[in-house]
C-alpha cells in the first residue's frame, strides 16, 4: 500500500521551467528588427519577458504601446517567424532542458511518478519542442490552451492533467516561473514550486507569490524531493 503522502504526479510549465526557450525568442525578435533595418534588442531583456507573451515581446522590440494599431500585425508576424524557426530542428540555438532536468525526469520515470506539461503555449509550438527534445513519448500529458475553456491561473488545465494521469491534485506538485502558475497550482490544491531560474521580469515580485517552495536552479528540485523521501514536501520552505 502506498504512503498517503506519496507524490502522485508532478507537472511543469514549459517556457522558463522545463525548457530554456529564450534563444528562440531572441533570434526571432532580432531577425524581425534586422529585416526592418532596426537595431537589435538586448537578449537578456527579451529573456526576462518571455513569460509575458508575444504581445509584450513585440512591444519591447518595437518600443510601442499596447494600443498601437501595428501591434497585432507585428505579433502575427512574430508568431510566423517563430513557427518557421522552431520547425527547424537543426537551428543553431535550439530550446534545451535546464541543467538538472534530465536527472529529475529520469528519477520520476524510475519511480513511476507520472509527469507532464501544463502550459499556456499553443499546442502546435509545445508539441514541436517536446518532440525535438525527445520528451513526447515520456510526458504523460500535455495540456495547452486549446484543451481547456479557462487557461492559467484557472486550475482547469491542472485538473485535466491529473485526470489524464490518474492522480489526485492534492497529492501533486506544479512548478512554474510566473505568478499565474503558482496561482493555478494553489487553486488546484497542489504543492507549488516557483522556478526563480526562469523568465522573471524586472516587475515580478516572486517573493510575494506565496509558492510553497522557491528554487533558484532546476538542479535544486530533485534534491528537494529526495530530502522528503519522495513524499509531498512541507509547505513554506525556500531551497
C-alpha atoms as a PDB file:
ATOM      1  CA  UNK A   1       0.000   0.000   0.000  1.00  0.00           C
ATOM      2  CA  UNK A   2       1.417   3.396  -0.982  1.00  0.00           C
ATOM      3  CA  UNK A   3       2.097   6.115   1.561  1.00  0.00           C
ATOM      4  CA  UNK A   4      -0.824   8.574   1.872  1.00  0.00           C
ATOM      5  CA  UNK A   5       1.559  11.482   1.258  1.00  0.00           C
ATOM      6  CA  UNK A   6       3.288   9.930  -1.748  1.00  0.00           C
ATOM      7  CA  UNK A   7       3.724  12.202  -4.760  1.00  0.00           C
ATOM      8  CA  UNK A   8       1.169  11.108  -7.359  1.00  0.00           C
ATOM      9  CA  UNK A   9       2.161  13.495 -10.133  1.00  0.00           C
ATOM     10  CA  UNK A  10       4.483  16.361 -10.980  1.00  0.00           C
ATOM     11  CA  UNK A  11       3.675  18.916 -13.651  1.00  0.00           C
ATOM     12  CA  UNK A  12       5.786  21.613 -15.291  1.00  0.00           C
ATOM     13  CA  UNK A  13       5.144  24.864 -17.021  1.00  0.00           C
ATOM     14  CA  UNK A  14       7.066  24.751 -20.315  1.00  0.00           C
ATOM     15  CA  UNK A  15       8.886  28.002 -21.145  1.00  0.00           C
ATOM     16  CA  UNK A  16      11.250  29.048 -18.379  1.00  0.00           C
ATOM     17  CA  UNK A  17      10.552  25.997 -16.233  1.00  0.00           C
ATOM     18  CA  UNK A  18      11.111  22.735 -18.082  1.00  0.00           C
ATOM     19  CA  UNK A  19      12.808  24.235 -21.139  1.00  0.00           C
ATOM     20  CA  UNK A  20      15.014  27.241 -21.707  1.00  0.00           C
ATOM     21  CA  UNK A  21      13.402  28.555 -24.890  1.00  0.00           C
ATOM     22  CA  UNK A  22      14.813  32.063 -24.662  1.00  0.00           C
ATOM     23  CA  UNK A  23      17.213  31.808 -27.614  1.00  0.00           C
ATOM     24  CA  UNK A  24      14.334  31.042 -29.988  1.00  0.00           C
ATOM     25  CA  UNK A  25      12.561  34.234 -28.960  1.00  0.00           C
ATOM     26  CA  UNK A  26      15.742  36.314 -29.042  1.00  0.00           C
ATOM     27  CA  UNK A  27      16.569  35.061 -32.529  1.00  0.00           C
ATOM     28  CA  UNK A  28      13.028  35.652 -33.782  1.00  0.00           C
ATOM     29  CA  UNK A  29      12.673  39.181 -32.421  1.00  0.00           C
ATOM     30  CA  UNK A  30      16.071  40.318 -33.620  1.00  0.00           C
ATOM     31  CA  UNK A  31      15.552  38.837 -37.091  1.00  0.00           C
ATOM     32  CA  UNK A  32      12.383  40.895 -37.415  1.00  0.00           C
ATOM     33  CA  UNK A  33      14.196  44.028 -36.300  1.00  0.00           C
ATOM     34  CA  UNK A  34      17.046  43.357 -38.719  1.00  0.00           C
ATOM     35  CA  UNK A  35      14.587  42.844 -41.570  1.00  0.00           C
ATOM     36  CA  UNK A  36      13.064  46.226 -40.698  1.00  0.00           C
ATOM     37  CA  UNK A  37      16.526  47.848 -40.534  1.00  0.00           C
ATOM     38  CA  UNK A  38      16.166  48.487 -36.818  1.00  0.00           C
ATOM     39  CA  UNK A  39      18.770  47.875 -34.100  1.00  0.00           C
ATOM     40  CA  UNK A  40      18.778  44.601 -32.210  1.00  0.00           C
ATOM     41  CA  UNK A  41      17.312  44.441 -28.713  1.00  0.00           C
ATOM     42  CA  UNK A  42      19.264  43.090 -25.764  1.00  0.00           C
ATOM     43  CA  UNK A  43      18.760  39.355 -25.406  1.00  0.00           C
ATOM     44  CA  UNK A  44      18.524  39.445 -21.625  1.00  0.00           C
ATOM     45  CA  UNK A  45      15.660  41.933 -21.839  1.00  0.00           C
ATOM     46  CA  UNK A  46      13.762  39.631 -24.180  1.00  0.00           C
ATOM     47  CA  UNK A  47      14.534  36.656 -21.955  1.00  0.00           C
ATOM     48  CA  UNK A  48      13.108  38.286 -18.866  1.00  0.00           C
ATOM     49  CA  UNK A  49       9.767  38.960 -20.581  1.00  0.00           C
ATOM     50  CA  UNK A  50       9.210  35.674 -22.451  1.00  0.00           C
ATOM     51  CA  UNK A  51       6.569  34.567 -19.936  1.00  0.00           C
ATOM     52  CA  UNK A  52       4.595  37.742 -20.604  1.00  0.00           C
ATOM     53  CA  UNK A  53       3.708  36.540 -24.098  1.00  0.00           C
ATOM     54  CA  UNK A  54       4.168  37.539 -27.714  1.00  0.00           C
ATOM     55  CA  UNK A  55       2.413  40.907 -27.478  1.00  0.00           C
ATOM     56  CA  UNK A  56       4.787  42.033 -24.747  1.00  0.00           C
ATOM     57  CA  UNK A  57       7.802  40.916 -26.770  1.00  0.00           C
ATOM     58  CA  UNK A  58       6.600  42.955 -29.744  1.00  0.00           C
ATOM     59  CA  UNK A  59       6.066  45.988 -27.522  1.00  0.00           C
ATOM     60  CA  UNK A  60       9.622  45.672 -26.200  1.00  0.00           C
ATOM     61  CA  UNK A  61      11.220  45.078 -29.576  1.00  0.00           C
ATOM     62  CA  UNK A  62       9.464  47.929 -31.341  1.00  0.00           C
ATOM     63  CA  UNK A  63       9.001  50.302 -28.420  1.00  0.00           C
ATOM     64  CA  UNK A  64       5.244  50.549 -28.901  1.00  0.00           C
ATOM     65  CA  UNK A  65       2.281  50.729 -26.543  1.00  0.00           C
ATOM     66  CA  UNK A  66      -0.449  48.070 -26.180  1.00  0.00           C
ATOM     67  CA  UNK A  67      -2.872  50.384 -28.010  1.00  0.00           C
ATOM     68  CA  UNK A  68      -0.650  50.771 -31.084  1.00  0.00           C
ATOM     69  CA  UNK A  69      -2.568  49.712 -34.226  1.00  0.00           C
ATOM     70  CA  UNK A  70       0.539  47.943 -35.553  1.00  0.00           C
ATOM     71  CA  UNK A  71       0.724  45.601 -32.566  1.00  0.00           C
ATOM     72  CA  UNK A  72      -1.429  42.748 -33.860  1.00  0.00           C
ATOM     73  CA  UNK A  73       0.143  42.621 -37.305  1.00  0.00           C
ATOM     74  CA  UNK A  74       3.619  42.627 -35.766  1.00  0.00           C
ATOM     75  CA  UNK A  75       2.573  39.939 -33.315  1.00  0.00           C
ATOM     76  CA  UNK A  76       1.247  37.735 -36.102  1.00  0.00           C
ATOM     77  CA  UNK A  77       4.482  38.239 -37.979  1.00  0.00           C
ATOM     78  CA  UNK A  78       6.499  37.313 -34.890  1.00  0.00           C
ATOM     79  CA  UNK A  79       4.468  34.121 -34.434  1.00  0.00           C
ATOM     80  CA  UNK A  80       5.004  33.186 -38.092  1.00  0.00           C
ATOM     81  CA  UNK A  81       8.738  33.787 -37.772  1.00  0.00           C
ATOM     82  CA  UNK A  82       8.844  31.813 -34.525  1.00  0.00           C
ATOM     83  CA  UNK A  83       6.964  28.936 -36.132  1.00  0.00           C
ATOM     84  CA  UNK A  84       9.427  28.854 -39.022  1.00  0.00           C
ATOM     85  CA  UNK A  85      12.392  28.935 -36.666  1.00  0.00           C
ATOM     86  CA  UNK A  86      11.373  26.206 -34.250  1.00  0.00           C
ATOM     87  CA  UNK A  87      10.308  23.941 -37.110  1.00  0.00           C
ATOM     88  CA  UNK A  88      13.995  23.713 -37.965  1.00  0.00           C
ATOM     89  CA  UNK A  89      15.391  21.125 -35.579  1.00  0.00           C
ATOM     90  CA  UNK A  90      18.924  21.953 -36.779  1.00  0.00           C
ATOM     91  CA  UNK A  91      18.780  25.599 -35.756  1.00  0.00           C
ATOM     92  CA  UNK A  92      21.935  26.825 -34.062  1.00  0.00           C
ATOM     93  CA  UNK A  93      20.497  27.669 -30.634  1.00  0.00           C
ATOM     94  CA  UNK A  94      17.563  25.354 -30.056  1.00  0.00           C
ATOM     95  CA  UNK A  95      15.463  25.142 -26.902  1.00  0.00           C
ATOM     96  CA  UNK A  96      17.017  22.905 -24.259  1.00  0.00           C
ATOM     97  CA  UNK A  97      16.299  21.314 -20.918  1.00  0.00           C
ATOM     98  CA  UNK A  98      17.587  23.254 -17.947  1.00  0.00           C
ATOM     99  CA  UNK A  99      20.557  21.728 -16.144  1.00  0.00           C
ATOM    100  CA  UNK A 100      19.251  19.214 -13.659  1.00  0.00           C
ATOM    101  CA  UNK A 101      16.068  18.422 -15.582  1.00  0.00           C
ATOM    102  CA  UNK A 102      17.341  15.230 -17.278  1.00  0.00           C
ATOM    103  CA  UNK A 103      18.221  13.742 -13.895  1.00  0.00           C
ATOM    104  CA  UNK A 104      14.875  14.802 -12.417  1.00  0.00           C
ATOM    105  CA  UNK A 105      12.882  13.282 -15.280  1.00  0.00           C
ATOM    106  CA  UNK A 106      14.890  10.065 -15.081  1.00  0.00           C
ATOM    107  CA  UNK A 107      14.189   9.861 -11.350  1.00  0.00           C
ATOM    108  CA  UNK A 108      10.467  10.437 -11.890  1.00  0.00           C
ATOM    109  CA  UNK A 109      10.341   7.714 -14.529  1.00  0.00           C
ATOM    110  CA  UNK A 110      12.332   5.323 -12.359  1.00  0.00           C
ATOM    111  CA  UNK A 111       9.820   5.773  -9.546  1.00  0.00           C
ATOM    112  CA  UNK A 112       6.852   5.578 -11.931  1.00  0.00           C
ATOM    113  CA  UNK A 113       5.715   9.062 -10.879  1.00  0.00           C
ATOM    114  CA  UNK A 114       3.701  10.451 -13.797  1.00  0.00           C
ATOM    115  CA  UNK A 115       4.808  13.855 -15.028  1.00  0.00           C
ATOM    116  CA  UNK A 116       3.661  16.201 -17.733  1.00  0.00           C
ATOM    117  CA  UNK A 117       3.445  19.725 -19.065  1.00  0.00           C
ATOM    118  CA  UNK A 118       0.725  22.283 -18.431  1.00  0.00           C
ATOM    119  CA  UNK A 119       1.350  25.442 -20.415  1.00  0.00           C
ATOM    120  CA  UNK A 120      -0.361  28.485 -21.902  1.00  0.00           C
ATOM    121  CA  UNK A 121       1.718  27.923 -25.045  1.00  0.00           C
ATOM    122  CA  UNK A 122      -0.320  26.817 -28.097  1.00  0.00           C
ATOM    123  CA  UNK A 123      -0.117  23.089 -28.708  1.00  0.00           C
ATOM    124  CA  UNK A 124       1.397  23.434 -32.195  1.00  0.00           C
ATOM    125  CA  UNK A 125       4.504  25.021 -30.677  1.00  0.00           C
ATOM    126  CA  UNK A 126       4.617  22.939 -27.499  1.00  0.00           C
ATOM    127  CA  UNK A 127       4.366  19.647 -29.370  1.00  0.00           C
ATOM    128  CA  UNK A 128       7.239  20.561 -31.698  1.00  0.00           C
ATOM    129  CA  UNK A 129       9.512  21.492 -28.801  1.00  0.00           C
ATOM    130  CA  UNK A 130       8.779  18.359 -26.788  1.00  0.00           C
ATOM    131  CA  UNK A 131       9.318  16.189 -29.841  1.00  0.00           C
ATOM    132  CA  UNK A 132      12.643  17.846 -30.646  1.00  0.00           C
ATOM    133  CA  UNK A 133      13.881  17.434 -27.094  1.00  0.00           C
ATOM    134  CA  UNK A 134      12.843  13.766 -27.092  1.00  0.00           C
ATOM    135  CA  UNK A 135      10.108  14.025 -24.472  1.00  0.00           C
ATOM    136  CA  UNK A 136       6.928  13.437 -26.472  1.00  0.00           C
ATOM    137  CA  UNK A 137       6.751   9.762 -25.548  1.00  0.00           C
ATOM    138  CA  UNK A 138       7.816  10.287 -21.956  1.00  0.00           C
ATOM    139  CA  UNK A 139       5.500  13.105 -20.901  1.00  0.00           C
ATOM    140  CA  UNK A 140       2.250  11.560 -19.686  1.00  0.00           C
ATOM    141  CA  UNK A 141       0.211  14.636 -20.546  1.00  0.00           C
ATOM    142  CA  UNK A 142       0.473  17.933 -22.412  1.00  0.00           C
ATOM    143  CA  UNK A 143      -2.242  20.451 -21.637  1.00  0.00           C
ATOM    144  CA  UNK A 144      -2.381  23.627 -23.752  1.00  0.00           C
ATOM    145  CA  UNK A 145      -4.962  26.431 -24.085  1.00  0.00           C
ATOM    146  CA  UNK A 146      -6.821  24.551 -26.837  1.00  0.00           C
ATOM    147  CA  UNK A 147      -7.623  21.760 -24.391  1.00  0.00           C
ATOM    148  CA  UNK A 148      -9.482  23.842 -21.803  1.00  0.00           C
ATOM    149  CA  UNK A 149     -12.067  26.580 -21.511  1.00  0.00           C
ATOM    150  CA  UNK A 150     -10.066  28.569 -18.961  1.00  0.00           C
ATOM    151  CA  UNK A 151      -6.279  28.961 -19.009  1.00  0.00           C
ATOM    152  CA  UNK A 152      -3.966  29.509 -16.058  1.00  0.00           C
ATOM    153  CA  UNK A 153      -4.345  30.881 -13.404  1.00  0.00           C
ATOM    154  CA  UNK A 154      -7.606  28.944 -13.554  1.00  0.00           C
ATOM    155  CA  UNK A 155      -6.956  25.385 -12.278  1.00  0.00           C
ATOM    156  CA  UNK A 156      -8.869  23.683 -15.106  1.00  0.00           C
ATOM    157  CA  UNK A 157      -5.728  22.693 -17.039  1.00  0.00           C
ATOM    158  CA  UNK A 158      -4.077  21.183 -13.978  1.00  0.00           C
ATOM    159  CA  UNK A 159      -7.222  19.306 -13.020  1.00  0.00           C
ATOM    160  CA  UNK A 160      -7.347  17.885 -16.550  1.00  0.00           C
ATOM    161  CA  UNK A 161      -3.693  16.853 -16.316  1.00  0.00           C
ATOM    162  CA  UNK A 162      -4.477  14.963 -13.128  1.00  0.00           C
ATOM    163  CA  UNK A 163      -7.432  13.209 -14.745  1.00  0.00           C
ATOM    164  CA  UNK A 164      -5.239  12.116 -17.637  1.00  0.00           C
ATOM    165  CA  UNK A 165      -2.566  10.755 -15.316  1.00  0.00           C
ATOM    166  CA  UNK A 166      -4.894   9.234 -12.745  1.00  0.00           C
ATOM    167  CA  UNK A 167      -3.586  11.424  -9.939  1.00  0.00           C
ATOM    168  CA  UNK A 168      -5.204  13.411  -7.148  1.00  0.00           C
ATOM    169  CA  UNK A 169      -4.406  17.154  -7.368  1.00  0.00           C
ATOM    170  CA  UNK A 170      -3.818  17.431  -3.617  1.00  0.00           C
ATOM    171  CA  UNK A 171      -1.033  14.863  -3.965  1.00  0.00           C
ATOM    172  CA  UNK A 172       0.646  16.598  -6.899  1.00  0.00           C
ATOM    173  CA  UNK A 173       3.246  19.313  -7.466  1.00  0.00           C
ATOM    174  CA  UNK A 174       3.221  22.107 -10.024  1.00  0.00           C
ATOM    175  CA  UNK A 175       6.357  24.022 -10.977  1.00  0.00           C
ATOM    176  CA  UNK A 176       6.305  27.346 -12.836  1.00  0.00           C
ATOM    177  CA  UNK A 177       8.086  30.662 -13.299  1.00  0.00           C
ATOM    178  CA  UNK A 178       5.119  33.042 -13.250  1.00  0.00           C
ATOM    179  CA  UNK A 179       2.551  34.165 -10.703  1.00  0.00           C
ATOM    180  CA  UNK A 180      -0.236  32.619 -12.790  1.00  0.00           C
ATOM    181  CA  UNK A 181       1.498  29.238 -12.448  1.00  0.00           C
ATOM    182  CA  UNK A 182       1.636  29.460  -8.678  1.00  0.00           C
ATOM    183  CA  UNK A 183      -1.943  30.690  -8.503  1.00  0.00           C
ATOM    184  CA  UNK A 184      -3.110  27.858 -10.768  1.00  0.00           C
ATOM    185  CA  UNK A 185      -1.319  25.277  -8.659  1.00  0.00           C
ATOM    186  CA  UNK A 186      -2.707  26.704  -5.449  1.00  0.00           C
ATOM    187  CA  UNK A 187      -6.217  26.885  -6.952  1.00  0.00           C
ATOM    188  CA  UNK A 188      -5.926  23.202  -7.844  1.00  0.00           C
ATOM    189  CA  UNK A 189      -4.823  22.305  -4.315  1.00  0.00           C
ATOM    190  CA  UNK A 190      -1.308  21.329  -5.354  1.00  0.00           C
ATOM    191  CA  UNK A 191       2.056  21.928  -3.731  1.00  0.00           C
ATOM    192  CA  UNK A 192       3.706  24.719  -5.740  1.00  0.00           C
ATOM    193  CA  UNK A 193       7.338  25.390  -6.594  1.00  0.00           C
ATOM    194  CA  UNK A 194       8.396  28.737  -8.075  1.00  0.00           C
ATOM    195  CA  UNK A 195      11.142  28.376 -10.680  1.00  0.00           C
ATOM    196  CA  UNK A 196      13.138  31.516  -9.977  1.00  0.00           C
ATOM    197  CA  UNK A 197      15.702  30.455 -12.575  1.00  0.00           C
ATOM    198  CA  UNK A 198      13.092  31.034 -15.299  1.00  0.00           C
ATOM    199  CA  UNK A 199      11.816  34.064 -17.161  1.00  0.00           C
ATOM    200  CA  UNK A 200      11.320  36.528 -14.321  1.00  0.00           C
ATOM    201  CA  UNK A 201      10.673  40.109 -15.444  1.00  0.00           C
ATOM    202  CA  UNK A 202      12.011  43.120 -13.518  1.00  0.00           C
ATOM    203  CA  UNK A 203       8.471  43.914 -12.379  1.00  0.00           C
ATOM    204  CA  UNK A 204       7.881  40.453 -10.958  1.00  0.00           C
ATOM    205  CA  UNK A 205       7.845  40.009  -7.183  1.00  0.00           C
ATOM    206  CA  UNK A 206       8.222  36.236  -6.713  1.00  0.00           C
ATOM    207  CA  UNK A 207       8.821  36.695  -3.002  1.00  0.00           C
ATOM    208  CA  UNK A 208       5.139  37.670  -2.835  1.00  0.00           C
ATOM    209  CA  UNK A 209       3.779  34.787  -4.897  1.00  0.00           C
ATOM    210  CA  UNK A 210       3.433  32.598  -1.804  1.00  0.00           C
ATOM    211  CA  UNK A 211       4.696  29.470  -3.513  1.00  0.00           C
ATOM    212  CA  UNK A 212       5.320  26.588  -1.150  1.00  0.00           C
ATOM    213  CA  UNK A 213       8.925  26.477  -2.346  1.00  0.00           C
ATOM    214  CA  UNK A 214      11.253  28.740  -4.294  1.00  0.00           C
ATOM    215  CA  UNK A 215      14.165  27.216  -6.220  1.00  0.00           C
ATOM    216  CA  UNK A 216      16.914  29.259  -7.845  1.00  0.00           C
ATOM    217  CA  UNK A 217      18.072  26.385 -10.061  1.00  0.00           C
ATOM    218  CA  UNK A 218      16.376  23.423 -11.700  1.00  0.00           C
ATOM    219  CA  UNK A 219      19.143  21.358 -10.128  1.00  0.00           C
ATOM    220  CA  UNK A 220      17.550  22.045  -6.721  1.00  0.00           C
ATOM    221  CA  UNK A 221      14.304  20.200  -7.462  1.00  0.00           C
ATOM    222  CA  UNK A 222      15.478  16.592  -7.321  1.00  0.00           C
ATOM    223  CA  UNK A 223      17.376  17.092  -4.024  1.00  0.00           C
ATOM    224  CA  UNK A 224      14.215  18.626  -2.572  1.00  0.00           C
ATOM    225  CA  UNK A 225      12.183  15.542  -3.453  1.00  0.00           C
ATOM    226  CA  UNK A 226      14.896  13.278  -2.116  1.00  0.00           C
ATOM    227  CA  UNK A 227      15.130  15.322   1.078  1.00  0.00           C
ATOM    228  CA  UNK A 228      11.496  14.480   1.786  1.00  0.00           C
ATOM    229  CA  UNK A 229      11.932  10.856   0.662  1.00  0.00           C
ATOM    230  CA  UNK A 230       9.583  11.395  -2.290  1.00  0.00           C
ATOM    231  CA  UNK A 231       6.690  12.357  -0.053  1.00  0.00           C
ATOM    232  CA  UNK A 232       4.928  15.669  -0.514  1.00  0.00           C
ATOM    233  CA  UNK A 233       7.247  18.272   0.983  1.00  0.00           C
ATOM    234  CA  UNK A 234       6.164  20.500   3.819  1.00  0.00           C
ATOM    235  CA  UNK A 235       4.975  23.895   2.716  1.00  0.00           C
ATOM    236  CA  UNK A 236       6.681  27.251   3.058  1.00  0.00           C
ATOM    237  CA  UNK A 237      10.401  26.455   2.769  1.00  0.00           C
ATOM    238  CA  UNK A 238      12.966  28.058   0.444  1.00  0.00           C
ATOM    239  CA  UNK A 239      15.694  25.923  -1.106  1.00  0.00           C
END
